[in-house]
Amino acid sequence: MTSANPDFEQEVRRNFAQQSVMNLIGASLSLVEPGIVEITLPYRQDLTQQNGYLHAGMITTIADSACGYAAFTLMPPGAGVLSVEFKVNLLRPAKGDSFVARAVRPYVPRDYIDSVEEVDFQSSYGHVSDADL
């Protein structure tokens, strides 16, 4: 797949750097390709819930951004992306040394109605969740 924006990777990285929440939680872009974005989050004790697992809010935060940026890679210069709805199925506790949200956008988005995509969330120990955004 090709991007409508020849500078998509630079724009995604610049835009990502402006998200203070990503800096706050220590997330980083680990892959940016047309229609595919991975965001990696290292395990941190201060991001866990009461049982020591990564908090579901952290999972959904990086999954949401990965999906938005996967769509953003395919859009023309000057376009923007906002989430309006998403669903996450948590399959097991988020346990591991690091976590990766990999979003794959199979086609160019036309509008918010046409914006379903899937994200696969892996920890260093295995598959954690699936999300439809």
N, C-alpha and C. Protein backbone atom coordinates (compact mmCIF):
# COMPACT_ATOMS: atom_id res chain seq x y z
N MET A 1 0.85 -1.17 0.00
CA MET A 1 0.00 0.00 0.00
C MET A 1 0.90 1.24 0.00
N THR A 2 0.46 2.28 -0.65
CA THR A 2 1.21 3.52 -0.69
C THR A 2 0.45 4.62 0.04
N SER A 3 1.18 5.61 0.49
CA SER A 3 0.58 6.72 1.22
C SER A 3 0.28 7.87 0.28
N ALA A 4 -0.76 8.62 0.60
CA ALA A 4 -1.10 9.83 -0.15
C ALA A 4 -0.19 10.99 0.26
N ASN A 5 0.61 10.78 1.30
CA ASN A 5 1.51 11.80 1.80
C ASN A 5 2.94 11.28 1.72
N PRO A 6 3.78 11.86 0.86
CA PRO A 6 5.15 11.36 0.73
C PRO A 6 5.97 11.55 2.01
N ASP A 7 5.55 12.43 2.89
CA ASP A 7 6.26 12.68 4.15
C ASP A 7 5.53 12.06 5.35
N PHE A 8 4.75 10.99 5.11
CA PHE A 8 3.91 10.42 6.16
C PHE A 8 4.71 10.03 7.40
N GLU A 9 5.88 9.41 7.23
CA GLU A 9 6.62 8.95 8.41
C GLU A 9 7.07 10.12 9.27
N GLN A 10 7.60 11.17 8.66
CA GLN A 10 8.02 12.35 9.41
C GLN A 10 6.83 12.99 10.11
N GLU A 11 5.69 13.06 9.42
CA GLU A 11 4.50 13.67 10.02
C GLU A 11 3.98 12.85 11.19
N VAL A 12 3.97 11.53 11.06
CA VAL A 12 3.53 10.67 12.15
C VAL A 12 4.46 10.85 13.35
N ARG A 13 5.76 10.82 13.11
CA ARG A 13 6.71 10.96 14.22
C ARG A 13 6.62 12.33 14.88
N ARG A 14 6.43 13.37 14.10
CA ARG A 14 6.29 14.72 14.65
C ARG A 14 5.01 14.81 15.48
N ASN A 15 3.91 14.29 14.93
CA ASN A 15 2.63 14.32 15.62
C ASN A 15 2.68 13.51 16.91
N PHE A 16 3.28 12.35 16.84
CA PHE A 16 3.41 11.47 18.01
C PHE A 16 4.18 12.19 19.12
N ALA A 17 5.24 12.88 18.75
CA ALA A 17 6.06 13.60 19.74
C ALA A 17 5.26 14.70 20.45
N GLN A 18 4.18 15.16 19.84
CA GLN A 18 3.34 16.19 20.45
C GLN A 18 2.33 15.62 21.44
N GLN A 19 2.20 14.30 21.49
CA GLN A 19 1.27 13.67 22.43
C GLN A 19 1.98 13.50 23.78
N SER A 20 1.72 14.41 24.69
CA SER A 20 2.40 14.36 25.99
C SER A 20 2.09 13.08 26.75
N VAL A 21 0.94 12.47 26.52
CA VAL A 21 0.60 11.24 27.22
C VAL A 21 1.57 10.11 26.83
N MET A 22 2.01 10.08 25.58
CA MET A 22 2.94 9.03 25.16
C MET A 22 4.29 9.21 25.88
N ASN A 23 4.72 10.45 26.01
CA ASN A 23 5.95 10.72 26.75
C ASN A 23 5.77 10.36 28.22
N LEU A 24 4.63 10.70 28.79
CA LEU A 24 4.33 10.43 30.19
C LEU A 24 4.44 8.94 30.52
N ILE A 25 3.90 8.09 29.64
CA ILE A 25 3.91 6.65 29.92
C ILE A 25 5.13 5.94 29.34
N GLY A 26 5.96 6.65 28.57
CA GLY A 26 7.19 6.05 28.04
C GLY A 26 7.00 5.25 26.76
N ALA A 27 5.92 5.50 26.03
CA ALA A 27 5.66 4.78 24.78
C ALA A 27 6.50 5.37 23.64
N SER A 28 6.81 4.52 22.67
CA SER A 28 7.57 4.99 21.50
C SER A 28 7.07 4.31 20.23
N LEU A 29 7.29 5.00 19.11
CA LEU A 29 6.97 4.40 17.81
C LEU A 29 8.08 3.42 17.45
N SER A 30 7.72 2.18 17.20
CA SER A 30 8.73 1.19 16.83
C SER A 30 8.64 0.79 15.36
N LEU A 31 7.54 1.15 14.68
CA LEU A 31 7.40 0.88 13.25
C LEU A 31 6.39 1.85 12.66
N VAL A 32 6.76 2.46 11.54
CA VAL A 32 5.85 3.34 10.81
C VAL A 32 5.99 3.02 9.33
N GLU A 33 4.98 2.40 8.76
CA GLU A 33 4.92 2.08 7.34
C GLU A 33 3.54 2.45 6.84
N PRO A 34 3.35 2.55 5.54
CA PRO A 34 2.00 2.87 5.05
C PRO A 34 0.98 1.83 5.53
N GLY A 35 0.03 2.28 6.34
CA GLY A 35 -1.01 1.40 6.83
C GLY A 35 -0.65 0.56 8.03
N ILE A 36 0.57 0.66 8.54
CA ILE A 36 1.01 -0.15 9.68
C ILE A 36 1.79 0.72 10.66
N VAL A 37 1.39 0.65 11.93
CA VAL A 37 2.11 1.36 12.98
C VAL A 37 2.21 0.46 14.20
N GLU A 38 3.39 0.45 14.81
CA GLU A 38 3.59 -0.24 16.08
C GLU A 38 4.03 0.77 17.12
N ILE A 39 3.42 0.68 18.29
CA ILE A 39 3.82 1.48 19.44
C ILE A 39 4.24 0.52 20.54
N THR A 40 5.44 0.74 21.08
CA THR A 40 5.99 -0.11 22.13
C THR A 40 5.97 0.62 23.46
N LEU A 41 5.60 -0.12 24.49
CA LEU A 41 5.55 0.42 25.85
C LEU A 41 6.31 -0.52 26.77
N PRO A 42 7.40 -0.06 27.39
CA PRO A 42 8.10 -0.92 28.35
C PRO A 42 7.29 -1.05 29.64
N TYR A 43 7.43 -2.20 30.30
CA TYR A 43 6.77 -2.40 31.59
C TYR A 43 7.31 -1.39 32.60
N ARG A 44 6.38 -0.80 33.35
CA ARG A 44 6.75 0.08 34.46
C ARG A 44 5.78 -0.18 35.59
N GLN A 45 6.29 -0.35 36.78
CA GLN A 45 5.46 -0.61 37.95
C GLN A 45 4.41 0.46 38.17
N ASP A 46 4.74 1.71 37.86
CA ASP A 46 3.78 2.79 38.10
C ASP A 46 2.64 2.83 37.09
N LEU A 47 2.64 1.92 36.11
CA LEU A 47 1.56 1.84 35.13
C LEU A 47 0.70 0.59 35.32
N THR A 48 0.83 -0.04 36.48
CA THR A 48 0.11 -1.29 36.73
C THR A 48 -1.14 -1.07 37.57
N GLN A 49 -1.97 -2.10 37.57
CA GLN A 49 -3.13 -2.11 38.45
C GLN A 49 -2.74 -2.83 39.75
N GLN A 50 -3.71 -3.06 40.61
CA GLN A 50 -3.45 -3.58 41.95
C GLN A 50 -2.79 -4.95 42.00
N ASN A 51 -2.87 -5.74 40.93
CA ASN A 51 -2.26 -7.08 40.92
C ASN A 51 -0.91 -7.11 40.21
N GLY A 52 -0.42 -5.95 39.80
CA GLY A 52 0.90 -5.89 39.17
C GLY A 52 0.90 -6.04 37.66
N TYR A 53 -0.27 -6.23 37.05
CA TYR A 53 -0.36 -6.32 35.59
C TYR A 53 -0.46 -4.91 35.01
N LEU A 54 -0.02 -4.76 33.78
CA LEU A 54 -0.17 -3.48 33.11
C LEU A 54 -1.65 -3.11 33.10
N HIS A 55 -1.96 -1.89 33.47
CA HIS A 55 -3.35 -1.43 33.55
C HIS A 55 -3.99 -1.43 32.17
N ALA A 56 -5.25 -1.85 32.08
CA ALA A 56 -5.97 -1.88 30.80
C ALA A 56 -6.01 -0.51 30.14
N GLY A 57 -6.00 0.55 30.94
CA GLY A 57 -5.98 1.90 30.38
C GLY A 57 -4.73 2.16 29.56
N MET A 58 -3.61 1.55 29.94
CA MET A 58 -2.37 1.70 29.18
C MET A 58 -2.46 0.94 27.86
N ILE A 59 -3.07 -0.25 27.92
CA ILE A 59 -3.27 -1.04 26.70
C ILE A 59 -4.12 -0.27 25.70
N THR A 60 -5.23 0.26 26.18
CA THR A 60 -6.13 0.97 25.26
C THR A 60 -5.52 2.28 24.78
N THR A 61 -4.69 2.91 25.59
CA THR A 61 -4.05 4.16 25.17
C THR A 61 -3.13 3.93 23.98
N ILE A 62 -2.28 2.92 24.05
CA ILE A 62 -1.36 2.72 22.92
C ILE A 62 -2.07 2.06 21.74
N ALA A 63 -3.10 1.25 22.00
CA ALA A 63 -3.86 0.65 20.90
C ALA A 63 -4.60 1.73 20.11
N ASP A 64 -5.22 2.66 20.82
CA ASP A 64 -5.95 3.76 20.18
C ASP A 64 -5.00 4.58 19.30
N SER A 65 -3.85 4.93 19.83
CA SER A 65 -2.91 5.74 19.05
C SER A 65 -2.34 4.97 17.87
N ALA A 66 -2.04 3.69 18.06
CA ALA A 66 -1.51 2.90 16.94
C ALA A 66 -2.51 2.85 15.80
N CYS A 67 -3.78 2.65 16.11
CA CYS A 67 -4.80 2.61 15.06
C CYS A 67 -4.95 3.96 14.37
N GLY A 68 -4.98 5.01 15.14
CA GLY A 68 -5.10 6.34 14.54
C GLY A 68 -3.93 6.65 13.62
N TYR A 69 -2.74 6.32 14.06
CA TYR A 69 -1.57 6.60 13.23
C TYR A 69 -1.48 5.68 12.02
N ALA A 70 -1.97 4.46 12.12
CA ALA A 70 -2.00 3.58 10.94
C ALA A 70 -2.88 4.20 9.86
N ALA A 71 -4.02 4.76 10.25
CA ALA A 71 -4.89 5.45 9.29
C ALA A 71 -4.22 6.73 8.79
N PHE A 72 -3.59 7.46 9.69
CA PHE A 72 -2.94 8.73 9.36
C PHE A 72 -1.85 8.55 8.30
N THR A 73 -1.16 7.40 8.31
CA THR A 73 -0.09 7.16 7.32
C THR A 73 -0.62 7.14 5.89
N LEU A 74 -1.90 6.88 5.72
CA LEU A 74 -2.49 6.75 4.39
C LEU A 74 -3.22 8.00 3.92
N MET A 75 -3.34 8.98 4.78
CA MET A 75 -4.13 10.17 4.48
C MET A 75 -3.29 11.26 3.83
N PRO A 76 -3.92 12.17 3.10
CA PRO A 76 -3.19 13.25 2.45
C PRO A 76 -2.63 14.25 3.45
N PRO A 77 -1.65 15.04 3.04
CA PRO A 77 -1.10 16.06 3.93
C PRO A 77 -2.19 16.98 4.45
N GLY A 78 -2.09 17.35 5.72
CA GLY A 78 -3.07 18.25 6.32
C GLY A 78 -4.27 17.56 6.93
N ALA A 79 -4.41 16.26 6.73
CA ALA A 79 -5.55 15.52 7.29
C ALA A 79 -5.33 15.28 8.78
N GLY A 80 -6.39 14.95 9.47
CA GLY A 80 -6.32 14.64 10.89
C GLY A 80 -7.13 13.41 11.22
N VAL A 81 -6.87 12.83 12.39
CA VAL A 81 -7.55 11.61 12.81
C VAL A 81 -8.00 11.78 14.26
N LEU A 82 -9.23 11.38 14.55
CA LEU A 82 -9.75 11.34 15.91
C LEU A 82 -10.52 10.04 16.12
N SER A 83 -10.43 9.47 17.30
CA SER A 83 -11.22 8.28 17.61
C SER A 83 -12.62 8.70 18.05
N VAL A 84 -13.61 7.94 17.59
CA VAL A 84 -14.98 8.20 18.03
C VAL A 84 -15.56 6.99 18.77
N GLU A 85 -14.98 5.81 18.59
CA GLU A 85 -15.48 4.63 19.27
C GLU A 85 -14.48 3.50 19.09
N PHE A 86 -14.32 2.68 20.12
CA PHE A 86 -13.53 1.47 19.96
C PHE A 86 -13.90 0.45 21.01
N LYS A 87 -13.58 -0.82 20.71
CA LYS A 87 -13.87 -1.93 21.60
C LYS A 87 -12.59 -2.75 21.75
N VAL A 88 -12.30 -3.15 22.96
CA VAL A 88 -11.12 -3.95 23.25
C VAL A 88 -11.55 -5.23 23.95
N ASN A 89 -11.05 -6.36 23.50
CA ASN A 89 -11.25 -7.63 24.18
C ASN A 89 -9.94 -8.00 24.87
N LEU A 90 -9.94 -8.00 26.19
CA LEU A 90 -8.74 -8.37 26.95
C LEU A 90 -8.77 -9.88 27.15
N LEU A 91 -7.79 -10.57 26.57
CA LEU A 91 -7.79 -12.03 26.56
C LEU A 91 -7.09 -12.65 27.76
N ARG A 92 -6.15 -11.91 28.34
CA ARG A 92 -5.42 -12.37 29.53
C ARG A 92 -4.74 -11.18 30.16
N PRO A 93 -4.26 -11.30 31.38
CA PRO A 93 -3.58 -10.17 32.02
C PRO A 93 -2.35 -9.73 31.22
N ALA A 94 -2.11 -8.44 31.21
CA ALA A 94 -0.97 -7.88 30.49
C ALA A 94 0.28 -8.02 31.36
N LYS A 95 1.06 -9.05 31.05
CA LYS A 95 2.24 -9.39 31.82
C LYS A 95 3.42 -9.49 30.86
N GLY A 96 4.54 -8.89 31.20
CA GLY A 96 5.73 -8.97 30.36
C GLY A 96 6.66 -7.82 30.60
N ASP A 97 7.77 -7.82 29.89
CA ASP A 97 8.77 -6.76 30.01
C ASP A 97 8.46 -5.57 29.12
N SER A 98 7.76 -5.85 28.02
CA SER A 98 7.37 -4.78 27.11
C SER A 98 6.10 -5.20 26.38
N PHE A 99 5.43 -4.21 25.79
CA PHE A 99 4.15 -4.42 25.14
C PHE A 99 4.15 -3.69 23.81
N VAL A 100 3.58 -4.32 22.78
CA VAL A 100 3.54 -3.72 21.45
C VAL A 100 2.11 -3.76 20.93
N ALA A 101 1.61 -2.58 20.55
CA ALA A 101 0.33 -2.48 19.87
C ALA A 101 0.63 -2.33 18.39
N ARG A 102 0.22 -3.29 17.57
CA ARG A 102 0.46 -3.26 16.12
C ARG A 102 -0.88 -3.09 15.42
N ALA A 103 -1.03 -1.96 14.76
CA ALA A 103 -2.26 -1.66 14.03
C ALA A 103 -2.02 -1.77 12.54
N VAL A 104 -2.93 -2.44 11.86
CA VAL A 104 -2.84 -2.59 10.40
C VAL A 104 -4.11 -2.02 9.80
N ARG A 105 -3.92 -1.08 8.92
CA ARG A 105 -5.02 -0.41 8.22
C ARG A 105 -5.06 -0.95 6.80
N PRO A 106 -6.04 -1.77 6.43
CA PRO A 106 -6.01 -2.42 5.12
C PRO A 106 -6.42 -1.55 3.94
N TYR A 107 -6.96 -0.36 4.17
CA TYR A 107 -7.41 0.49 3.06
C TYR A 107 -7.38 1.95 3.51
N VAL A 108 -7.44 2.85 2.56
CA VAL A 108 -7.43 4.28 2.85
C VAL A 108 -8.78 4.69 3.43
N PRO A 109 -8.80 5.35 4.60
CA PRO A 109 -10.06 5.77 5.19
C PRO A 109 -10.71 6.90 4.40
N ARG A 110 -12.04 6.86 4.29
CA ARG A 110 -12.77 7.93 3.59
C ARG A 110 -13.40 8.90 4.58
N ASP A 111 -13.95 8.39 5.67
CA ASP A 111 -14.54 9.24 6.70
C ASP A 111 -14.65 8.41 7.97
N TYR A 112 -15.19 9.00 9.02
CA TYR A 112 -15.21 8.28 10.29
C TYR A 112 -16.08 7.03 10.26
N ILE A 113 -17.07 6.98 9.40
CA ILE A 113 -17.92 5.79 9.31
C ILE A 113 -17.13 4.63 8.72
N ASP A 114 -16.15 4.94 7.91
CA ASP A 114 -15.36 3.94 7.20
C ASP A 114 -14.00 3.78 7.88
N SER A 115 -14.00 3.52 9.18
CA SER A 115 -12.71 3.52 9.86
C SER A 115 -12.48 2.34 10.79
N VAL A 116 -13.03 1.18 10.46
CA VAL A 116 -12.79 0.00 11.28
C VAL A 116 -11.41 -0.56 10.98
N GLU A 117 -10.67 -0.85 12.02
CA GLU A 117 -9.40 -1.53 11.87
C GLU A 117 -9.13 -2.36 13.11
N GLU A 118 -8.13 -3.21 13.02
CA GLU A 118 -7.82 -4.10 14.13
C GLU A 118 -6.41 -3.84 14.62
N VAL A 119 -6.23 -4.05 15.92
CA VAL A 119 -4.91 -3.95 16.50
C VAL A 119 -4.65 -5.23 17.28
N ASP A 120 -3.44 -5.73 17.17
CA ASP A 120 -3.01 -6.91 17.90
C ASP A 120 -2.04 -6.43 18.97
N PHE A 121 -2.26 -6.83 20.20
CA PHE A 121 -1.46 -6.36 21.31
C PHE A 121 -0.68 -7.52 21.88
N GLN A 122 0.64 -7.43 21.82
CA GLN A 122 1.52 -8.50 22.29
C GLN A 122 2.36 -8.01 23.46
N SER A 123 2.62 -8.90 24.40
CA SER A 123 3.61 -8.61 25.44
C SER A 123 4.82 -9.47 25.14
N SER A 124 5.89 -9.27 25.88
CA SER A 124 7.07 -10.11 25.69
C SER A 124 6.76 -11.56 26.07
N TYR A 125 5.61 -11.81 26.71
CA TYR A 125 5.21 -13.17 27.08
C TYR A 125 4.16 -13.77 26.14
N GLY A 126 3.62 -12.98 25.21
CA GLY A 126 2.62 -13.51 24.29
C GLY A 126 1.46 -12.59 24.07
N HIS A 127 0.44 -13.11 23.37
CA HIS A 127 -0.75 -12.35 22.96
C HIS A 127 -1.57 -11.92 24.17
N VAL A 128 -1.96 -10.64 24.21
CA VAL A 128 -2.71 -10.11 25.34
C VAL A 128 -4.14 -9.73 24.96
N SER A 129 -4.32 -9.01 23.85
CA SER A 129 -5.67 -8.54 23.53
C SER A 129 -5.84 -8.28 22.05
N ASP A 130 -7.09 -8.14 21.66
CA ASP A 130 -7.47 -7.73 20.32
C ASP A 130 -8.36 -6.50 20.47
N ALA A 131 -8.28 -5.62 19.51
CA ALA A 131 -9.14 -4.43 19.55
C ALA A 131 -9.66 -4.15 18.16
N ASP A 132 -10.89 -3.68 18.10
CA ASP A 132 -11.47 -3.18 16.86
C ASP A 132 -11.72 -1.70 17.09
N LEU A 133 -11.13 -0.89 16.26
CA LEU A 133 -11.29 0.55 16.38
C LEU A 133 -11.90 1.10 15.11
